[in-house]
PDB file of all heavy atoms in Angstrom:
ATOM      1  N   GLY A   1       0.770  -1.193  -0.042  1.00  0.00           N
ATOM      2  CA  GLY A   1      -0.017   0.018  -0.072  1.00  0.00           C
ATOM      3  C   GLY A   1       0.791   1.241   0.058  1.00  0.00           C
ATOM      4  O   GLY A   1       0.243   2.318   0.108  1.00  0.00           O
ATOM      5  N   LYS A   2       2.081   1.228  -0.063  1.00  0.00           N
ATOM      6  CA  LYS A   2       2.977   2.444   0.010  1.00  0.00           C
ATOM      7  C   LYS A   2       3.914   2.505  -1.326  1.00  0.00           C
ATOM      8  O   LYS A   2       4.340   1.462  -1.798  1.00  0.00           O
ATOM      9  CB  LYS A   2       3.927   2.424   1.244  1.00  0.00           C
ATOM     10  CG  LYS A   2       3.057   2.443   2.520  1.00  0.00           C
ATOM     11  CD  LYS A   2       4.048   2.432   3.690  1.00  0.00           C
ATOM     12  CE  LYS A   2       3.381   2.488   5.001  1.00  0.00           C
ATOM     13  NZ  LYS A   2       4.227   2.527   6.252  1.00  0.00           N
ATOM     14  N   ASN A   3       4.017   3.694  -1.815  1.00  0.00           N
ATOM     15  CA  ASN A   3       5.033   3.785  -2.897  1.00  0.00           C
ATOM     16  C   ASN A   3       6.406   3.651  -2.467  1.00  0.00           C
ATOM     17  O   ASN A   3       6.839   4.192  -1.395  1.00  0.00           O
ATOM     18  CB  ASN A   3       4.878   5.239  -3.500  1.00  0.00           C
ATOM     19  CG  ASN A   3       3.561   5.337  -4.214  1.00  0.00           C
ATOM     20  OD1 ASN A   3       3.220   4.385  -4.942  1.00  0.00           O
ATOM     21  ND2 ASN A   3       2.978   6.533  -4.376  1.00  0.00           N
ATOM     22  N   SER A   4       7.129   2.795  -3.213  1.00  0.00           N
ATOM     23  CA  SER A   4       8.572   2.606  -2.790  1.00  0.00           C
ATOM     24  C   SER A   4       9.396   3.187  -3.924  1.00  0.00           C
ATOM     25  O   SER A   4       9.471   2.609  -5.033  1.00  0.00           O
ATOM     26  CB  SER A   4       8.877   1.055  -2.691  1.00  0.00           C
ATOM     27  OG  SER A   4      10.200   0.937  -2.566  1.00  0.00           O
ATOM     28  N   ARG A   5      10.031   4.307  -3.643  1.00  0.00           N
ATOM     29  CA  ARG A   5      10.770   4.887  -4.753  1.00  0.00           C
ATOM     30  C   ARG A   5      12.172   4.362  -4.844  1.00  0.00           C
ATOM     31  O   ARG A   5      13.022   4.490  -3.818  1.00  0.00           O
ATOM     32  CB  ARG A   5      10.839   6.472  -4.486  1.00  0.00           C
ATOM     33  CG  ARG A   5      11.546   7.210  -5.532  1.00  0.00           C
ATOM     34  CD  ARG A   5      11.570   8.778  -5.472  1.00  0.00           C
ATOM     35  NE  ARG A   5      11.991   9.347  -6.578  1.00  0.00           N
ATOM     36  CZ  ARG A   5      13.046  10.308  -6.567  1.00  0.00           C
ATOM     37  NH1 ARG A   5      13.482  10.615  -5.431  1.00  0.00           N
ATOM     38  NH2 ARG A   5      13.325  10.894  -7.606  1.00  0.00           N
ATOM     39  N   LYS A   6      12.520   3.611  -5.823  1.00  0.00           N
ATOM     40  CA  LYS A   6      13.769   3.023  -5.931  1.00  0.00           C
ATOM     41  C   LYS A   6      14.526   3.660  -7.243  1.00  0.00           C
ATOM     42  O   LYS A   6      14.031   3.615  -8.285  1.00  0.00           O
ATOM     43  CB  LYS A   6      13.666   1.518  -6.241  1.00  0.00           C
ATOM     44  CG  LYS A   6      13.021   0.857  -4.922  1.00  0.00           C
ATOM     45  CD  LYS A   6      13.026  -0.636  -5.170  1.00  0.00           C
ATOM     46  CE  LYS A   6      11.942  -1.014  -6.149  1.00  0.00           C
ATOM     47  NZ  LYS A   6      11.747  -2.462  -6.186  1.00  0.00           N
ATOM     48  N   ARG A   7      15.653   4.280  -6.924  1.00  0.00           N
ATOM     49  CA  ARG A   7      16.554   4.602  -8.046  1.00  0.00           C
ATOM     50  C   ARG A   7      16.938   3.403  -8.847  1.00  0.00           C
ATOM     51  O   ARG A   7      17.103   2.256  -8.206  1.00  0.00           O
ATOM     52  CB  ARG A   7      17.764   5.433  -7.478  1.00  0.00           C
ATOM     53  CG  ARG A   7      18.394   6.402  -8.452  1.00  0.00           C
ATOM     54  CD  ARG A   7      17.582   7.720  -8.543  1.00  0.00           C
ATOM     55  NE  ARG A   7      18.144   8.516  -9.566  1.00  0.00           N
ATOM     56  CZ  ARG A   7      17.944   9.823  -9.639  1.00  0.00           C
ATOM     57  NH1 ARG A   7      17.147  10.376  -8.699  1.00  0.00           N
ATOM     58  NH2 ARG A   7      18.462  10.596 -10.544  1.00  0.00           N
ATOM     59  N   LEU A   8      17.384   3.493 -10.043  1.00  0.00           N
ATOM     60  CA  LEU A   8      17.713   2.383 -10.777  1.00  0.00           C
ATOM     61  C   LEU A   8      18.935   1.762 -10.270  1.00  0.00           C
ATOM     62  O   LEU A   8      20.108   2.156 -10.534  1.00  0.00           O
ATOM     63  CB  LEU A   8      18.013   2.702 -12.279  1.00  0.00           C
ATOM     64  CG  LEU A   8      16.753   3.298 -12.989  1.00  0.00           C
ATOM     65  CD1 LEU A   8      17.071   3.810 -14.371  1.00  0.00           C
ATOM     66  CD2 LEU A   8      15.724   1.991 -13.166  1.00  0.00           C
ATOM     67  N   LEU A   9      18.817   0.605  -9.527  1.00  0.00           N
ATOM     68  CA  LEU A   9      19.902  -0.170  -9.134  1.00  0.00           C
ATOM     69  C   LEU A   9      20.304  -1.207 -10.184  1.00  0.00           C
ATOM     70  O   LEU A   9      19.279  -1.771 -10.765  1.00  0.00           O
ATOM     71  CB  LEU A   9      19.491  -0.913  -7.817  1.00  0.00           C
ATOM     72  CG  LEU A   9      19.359  -0.030  -6.544  1.00  0.00           C
ATOM     73  CD1 LEU A   9      18.957  -0.865  -5.422  1.00  0.00           C
ATOM     74  CD2 LEU A   9      20.770   0.611  -6.272  1.00  0.00           C
ATOM     75  N   ASN A  10      21.415  -1.536 -10.440  1.00  0.00           N
ATOM     76  CA  ASN A  10      21.806  -2.554 -11.521  1.00  0.00           C
ATOM     77  C   ASN A  10      21.556  -3.939 -10.764  1.00  0.00           C
ATOM     78  O   ASN A  10      22.188  -4.299  -9.817  1.00  0.00           O
ATOM     79  CB  ASN A  10      23.317  -2.341 -11.803  1.00  0.00           C
ATOM     80  CG  ASN A  10      23.571  -3.315 -12.864  1.00  0.00           C
ATOM     81  OD1 ASN A  10      23.225  -4.297 -13.224  1.00  0.00           O
ATOM     82  ND2 ASN A  10      24.605  -2.932 -13.682  1.00  0.00           N
ATOM     83  N   PRO A  11      20.657  -4.738 -11.302  1.00  0.00           N
ATOM     84  CA  PRO A  11      20.279  -5.908 -10.545  1.00  0.00           C
ATOM     85  C   PRO A  11      21.452  -6.996 -10.851  1.00  0.00           C
ATOM     86  O   PRO A  11      21.469  -8.042 -10.100  1.00  0.00           O
ATOM     87  CB  PRO A  11      19.118  -6.495 -11.441  1.00  0.00           C
ATOM     88  CG  PRO A  11      19.245  -5.746 -12.805  1.00  0.00           C
ATOM     89  CD  PRO A  11      19.821  -4.421 -12.502  1.00  0.00           C
ATOM     90  N   LEU A  12      22.410  -6.785 -11.748  1.00  0.00           N
ATOM     91  CA  LEU A  12      23.550  -7.701 -11.805  1.00  0.00           C
ATOM     92  C   LEU A  12      24.680  -7.396 -10.858  1.00  0.00           C
ATOM     93  O   LEU A  12      25.620  -8.190 -10.619  1.00  0.00           O
ATOM     94  CB  LEU A  12      23.982  -7.634 -13.221  1.00  0.00           C
ATOM     95  CG  LEU A  12      22.947  -7.849 -14.355  1.00  0.00           C
ATOM     96  CD1 LEU A  12      23.779  -7.880 -15.676  1.00  0.00           C
ATOM     97  CD2 LEU A  12      22.439  -9.300 -14.127  1.00  0.00           C
ATOM     98  N   PHE A  13      24.602  -6.234 -10.121  1.00  0.00           N
ATOM     99  CA  PHE A  13      25.531  -5.894  -9.078  1.00  0.00           C
ATOM    100  C   PHE A  13      25.113  -6.508  -7.774  1.00  0.00           C
ATOM    101  O   PHE A  13      24.513  -5.778  -6.955  1.00  0.00           O
ATOM    102  CB  PHE A  13      25.738  -4.365  -8.992  1.00  0.00           C
ATOM    103  CG  PHE A  13      26.568  -3.845 -10.212  1.00  0.00           C
ATOM    104  CD1 PHE A  13      26.791  -2.484 -10.298  1.00  0.00           C
ATOM    105  CD2 PHE A  13      27.111  -4.658 -11.131  1.00  0.00           C
ATOM    106  CE1 PHE A  13      27.488  -1.968 -11.322  1.00  0.00           C
ATOM    107  CE2 PHE A  13      27.878  -4.111 -12.209  1.00  0.00           C
ATOM    108  CZ  PHE A  13      28.111  -2.758 -12.207  1.00  0.00           C
ATOM    109  N   THR A  14      25.547  -7.692  -7.486  1.00  0.00           N
ATOM    110  CA  THR A  14      25.157  -8.303  -6.253  1.00  0.00           C
ATOM    111  C   THR A  14      26.396  -8.823  -5.475  1.00  0.00           C
ATOM    112  O   THR A  14      27.476  -8.862  -6.028  1.00  0.00           O
ATOM    113  CB  THR A  14      24.236  -9.541  -6.410  1.00  0.00           C
ATOM    114  OG1 THR A  14      24.910 -10.504  -7.288  1.00  0.00           O
ATOM    115  CG2 THR A  14      22.975  -9.144  -7.189  1.00  0.00           C
ATOM    116  N   PHE A  15      26.279  -9.278  -4.247  1.00  0.00           N
ATOM    117  CA  PHE A  15      27.449  -9.752  -3.571  1.00  0.00           C
ATOM    118  C   PHE A  15      27.878 -11.048  -4.154  1.00  0.00           C
ATOM    119  O   PHE A  15      29.042 -11.380  -4.131  1.00  0.00           O
ATOM    120  CB  PHE A  15      27.168  -9.977  -2.073  1.00  0.00           C
ATOM    121  CG  PHE A  15      27.072  -8.720  -1.325  1.00  0.00           C
ATOM    122  CD1 PHE A  15      25.818  -8.246  -0.714  1.00  0.00           C
ATOM    123  CD2 PHE A  15      28.217  -7.873  -0.976  1.00  0.00           C
ATOM    124  CE1 PHE A  15      25.732  -6.938  -0.061  1.00  0.00           C
ATOM    125  CE2 PHE A  15      28.168  -6.689  -0.330  1.00  0.00           C
ATOM    126  CZ  PHE A  15      26.934  -6.271   0.126  1.00  0.00           C
ATOM    127  N   SER A  16      26.890 -11.855  -4.579  1.00  0.00           N
ATOM    128  CA  SER A  16      27.309 -13.248  -5.116  1.00  0.00           C
ATOM    129  C   SER A  16      28.165 -13.093  -6.369  1.00  0.00           C
ATOM    130  O   SER A  16      29.004 -14.000  -6.710  1.00  0.00           O
ATOM    131  CB  SER A  16      26.004 -14.006  -5.401  1.00  0.00           C
ATOM    132  OG  SER A  16      25.215 -13.370  -6.470  1.00  0.00           O
ATOM    133  N   LEU A  17      28.030 -12.014  -7.159  1.00  0.00           N
ATOM    134  CA  LEU A  17      28.824 -11.778  -8.277  1.00  0.00           C
ATOM    135  C   LEU A  17      30.086 -10.870  -8.136  1.00  0.00           C
ATOM    136  O   LEU A  17      30.759 -10.621  -9.077  1.00  0.00           O
ATOM    137  CB  LEU A  17      27.906 -11.101  -9.493  1.00  0.00           C
ATOM    138  CG  LEU A  17      26.845 -11.999  -9.871  1.00  0.00           C
ATOM    139  CD1 LEU A  17      25.905 -11.253 -10.958  1.00  0.00           C
ATOM    140  CD2 LEU A  17      27.380 -13.371 -10.567  1.00  0.00           C
ATOM    141  N   PHE A  18      30.337 -10.540  -6.819  1.00  0.00           N
ATOM    142  CA  PHE A  18      31.492  -9.696  -6.521  1.00  0.00           C
ATOM    143  C   PHE A  18      32.687 -10.668  -6.207  1.00  0.00           C
ATOM    144  O   PHE A  18      32.570 -11.472  -5.292  1.00  0.00           O
ATOM    145  CB  PHE A  18      31.146  -8.762  -5.514  1.00  0.00           C
ATOM    146  CG  PHE A  18      32.253  -7.814  -5.184  1.00  0.00           C
ATOM    147  CD1 PHE A  18      32.461  -6.639  -5.889  1.00  0.00           C
ATOM    148  CD2 PHE A  18      33.194  -7.963  -4.083  1.00  0.00           C
ATOM    149  CE1 PHE A  18      33.471  -5.748  -5.682  1.00  0.00           C
ATOM    150  CE2 PHE A  18      34.159  -7.051  -3.775  1.00  0.00           C
ATOM    151  CZ  PHE A  18      34.323  -6.007  -4.626  1.00  0.00           C
ATOM    152  N   VAL A  19      33.788 -10.494  -6.836  1.00  0.00           N
ATOM    153  CA  VAL A  19      34.907 -11.367  -6.564  1.00  0.00           C
ATOM    154  C   VAL A  19      35.880 -10.646  -5.531  1.00  0.00           C
ATOM    155  O   VAL A  19      36.293  -9.476  -5.806  1.00  0.00           O
ATOM    156  CB  VAL A  19      35.823 -11.524  -7.876  1.00  0.00           C
ATOM    157  CG1 VAL A  19      36.950 -12.455  -7.603  1.00  0.00           C
ATOM    158  CG2 VAL A  19      34.846 -12.308  -8.971  1.00  0.00           C
ATOM    159  N   GLU A  20      36.018 -11.373  -4.562  1.00  0.00           N
ATOM    160  CA  GLU A  20      36.851 -10.698  -3.399  1.00  0.00           C
ATOM    161  C   GLU A  20      38.269 -11.093  -3.448  1.00  0.00           C
ATOM    162  O   GLU A  20      38.667 -12.157  -3.826  1.00  0.00           O
ATOM    163  CB  GLU A  20      36.177 -11.143  -1.999  1.00  0.00           C
ATOM    164  CG  GLU A  20      34.888 -10.509  -1.646  1.00  0.00           C
ATOM    165  CD  GLU A  20      34.338 -10.842  -0.324  1.00  0.00           C
ATOM    166  OE1 GLU A  20      35.218 -10.988   0.546  1.00  0.00           O
ATOM    167  OE2 GLU A  20      33.074 -10.986  -0.083  1.00  0.00           O
ATOM    168  N   GLY A  21      39.173 -10.218  -2.960  1.00  0.00           N
ATOM    169  CA  GLY A  21      40.511 -10.626  -2.793  1.00  0.00           C
ATOM    170  C   GLY A  21      41.129  -9.738  -1.685  1.00  0.00           C
ATOM    171  O   GLY A  21      40.372  -8.964  -1.062  1.00  0.00           O
ATOM    172  N   ARG A  22      42.443  -9.664  -1.616  1.00  0.00           N
ATOM    173  CA  ARG A  22      42.998  -8.977  -0.530  1.00  0.00           C
ATOM    174  C   ARG A  22      42.795  -7.390  -0.646  1.00  0.00           C
ATOM    175  O   ARG A  22      42.706  -6.749   0.346  1.00  0.00           O
ATOM    176  CB  ARG A  22      44.518  -9.133  -0.477  1.00  0.00           C
ATOM    177  CG  ARG A  22      44.896 -10.510   0.137  1.00  0.00           C
ATOM    178  CD  ARG A  22      46.328 -10.828   0.054  1.00  0.00           C
ATOM    179  NE  ARG A  22      46.807 -10.923  -1.235  1.00  0.00           N
ATOM    180  CZ  ARG A  22      48.047 -11.194  -1.490  1.00  0.00           C
ATOM    181  NH1 ARG A  22      48.963 -11.368  -0.646  1.00  0.00           N
ATOM    182  NH2 ARG A  22      48.468 -11.383  -2.777  1.00  0.00           N
ATOM    183  N   SER A  23      42.656  -6.948  -1.909  1.00  0.00           N
ATOM    184  CA  SER A  23      42.589  -5.514  -2.199  1.00  0.00           C
ATOM    185  C   SER A  23      41.168  -4.987  -1.848  1.00  0.00           C
ATOM    186  O   SER A  23      40.987  -3.832  -1.699  1.00  0.00           O
ATOM    187  CB  SER A  23      42.899  -5.280  -3.701  1.00  0.00           C
ATOM    188  OG  SER A  23      41.887  -5.939  -4.568  1.00  0.00           O
ATOM    189  N   ASN A  24      40.124  -5.903  -1.839  1.00  0.00           N
ATOM    190  CA  ASN A  24      38.702  -5.283  -1.579  1.00  0.00           C
ATOM    191  C   ASN A  24      37.986  -6.097  -0.496  1.00  0.00           C
ATOM    192  O   ASN A  24      36.709  -5.743  -0.272  1.00  0.00           O
ATOM    193  CB  ASN A  24      37.968  -5.351  -2.974  1.00  0.00           C
ATOM    194  CG  ASN A  24      37.772  -6.771  -3.453  1.00  0.00           C
ATOM    195  OD1 ASN A  24      37.778  -7.774  -2.689  1.00  0.00           O
ATOM    196  ND2 ASN A  24      37.712  -6.833  -4.833  1.00  0.00           N
ATOM    197  N   GLN A  25      38.596  -7.033   0.317  1.00  0.00           N
ATOM    198  CA  GLN A  25      37.943  -7.804   1.159  1.00  0.00           C
ATOM    199  C   GLN A  25      37.241  -7.012   2.317  1.00  0.00           C
ATOM    200  O   GLN A  25      36.186  -7.251   2.662  1.00  0.00           O
ATOM    201  CB  GLN A  25      38.907  -8.942   1.732  1.00  0.00           C
ATOM    202  CG  GLN A  25      38.254 -10.014   2.495  1.00  0.00           C
ATOM    203  CD  GLN A  25      39.247 -11.151   2.843  1.00  0.00           C
ATOM    204  OE1 GLN A  25      40.330 -10.807   3.115  1.00  0.00           O
ATOM    205  NE2 GLN A  25      38.702 -12.371   2.763  1.00  0.00           N
ATOM    206  N   MET A  26      38.121  -6.054   2.840  1.00  0.00           N
ATOM    207  CA  MET A  26      37.523  -5.319   3.977  1.00  0.00           C
ATOM    208  C   MET A  26      36.372  -4.467   3.543  1.00  0.00           C
ATOM    209  O   MET A  26      35.280  -4.387   4.183  1.00  0.00           O
ATOM    210  CB  MET A  26      38.551  -4.386   4.573  1.00  0.00           C
ATOM    211  CG  MET A  26      38.136  -3.639   5.762  1.00  0.00           C
ATOM    212  SD  MET A  26      39.426  -2.505   6.488  1.00  0.00           S
ATOM    213  CE  MET A  26      38.444  -1.694   7.813  1.00  0.00           C
ATOM    214  N   ALA A  27      36.342  -3.939   2.315  1.00  0.00           N
ATOM    215  CA  ALA A  27      35.277  -3.123   1.791  1.00  0.00           C
ATOM    216  C   ALA A  27      34.030  -3.979   1.591  1.00  0.00           C
ATOM    217  O   ALA A  27      32.868  -3.621   2.095  1.00  0.00           O
ATOM    218  CB  ALA A  27      35.556  -2.527   0.459  1.00  0.00           C
ATOM    219  N   ALA A  28      34.145  -5.216   1.156  1.00  0.00           N
ATOM    220  CA  ALA A  28      32.978  -6.117   0.859  1.00  0.00           C
ATOM    221  C   ALA A  28      32.394  -6.565   2.295  1.00  0.00           C
ATOM    222  O   ALA A  28      31.251  -6.659   2.487  1.00  0.00           O
ATOM    223  CB  ALA A  28      33.449  -7.367   0.088  1.00  0.00           C
TER     224      ALA A  28
END
């Protein structure tokens, strides 16, 4: 019953598709 205003998020940008390594592990 409420409007949900969502800016265009890229549906392909998910945690499951993000490759982690030493350079970005803390950020993830």
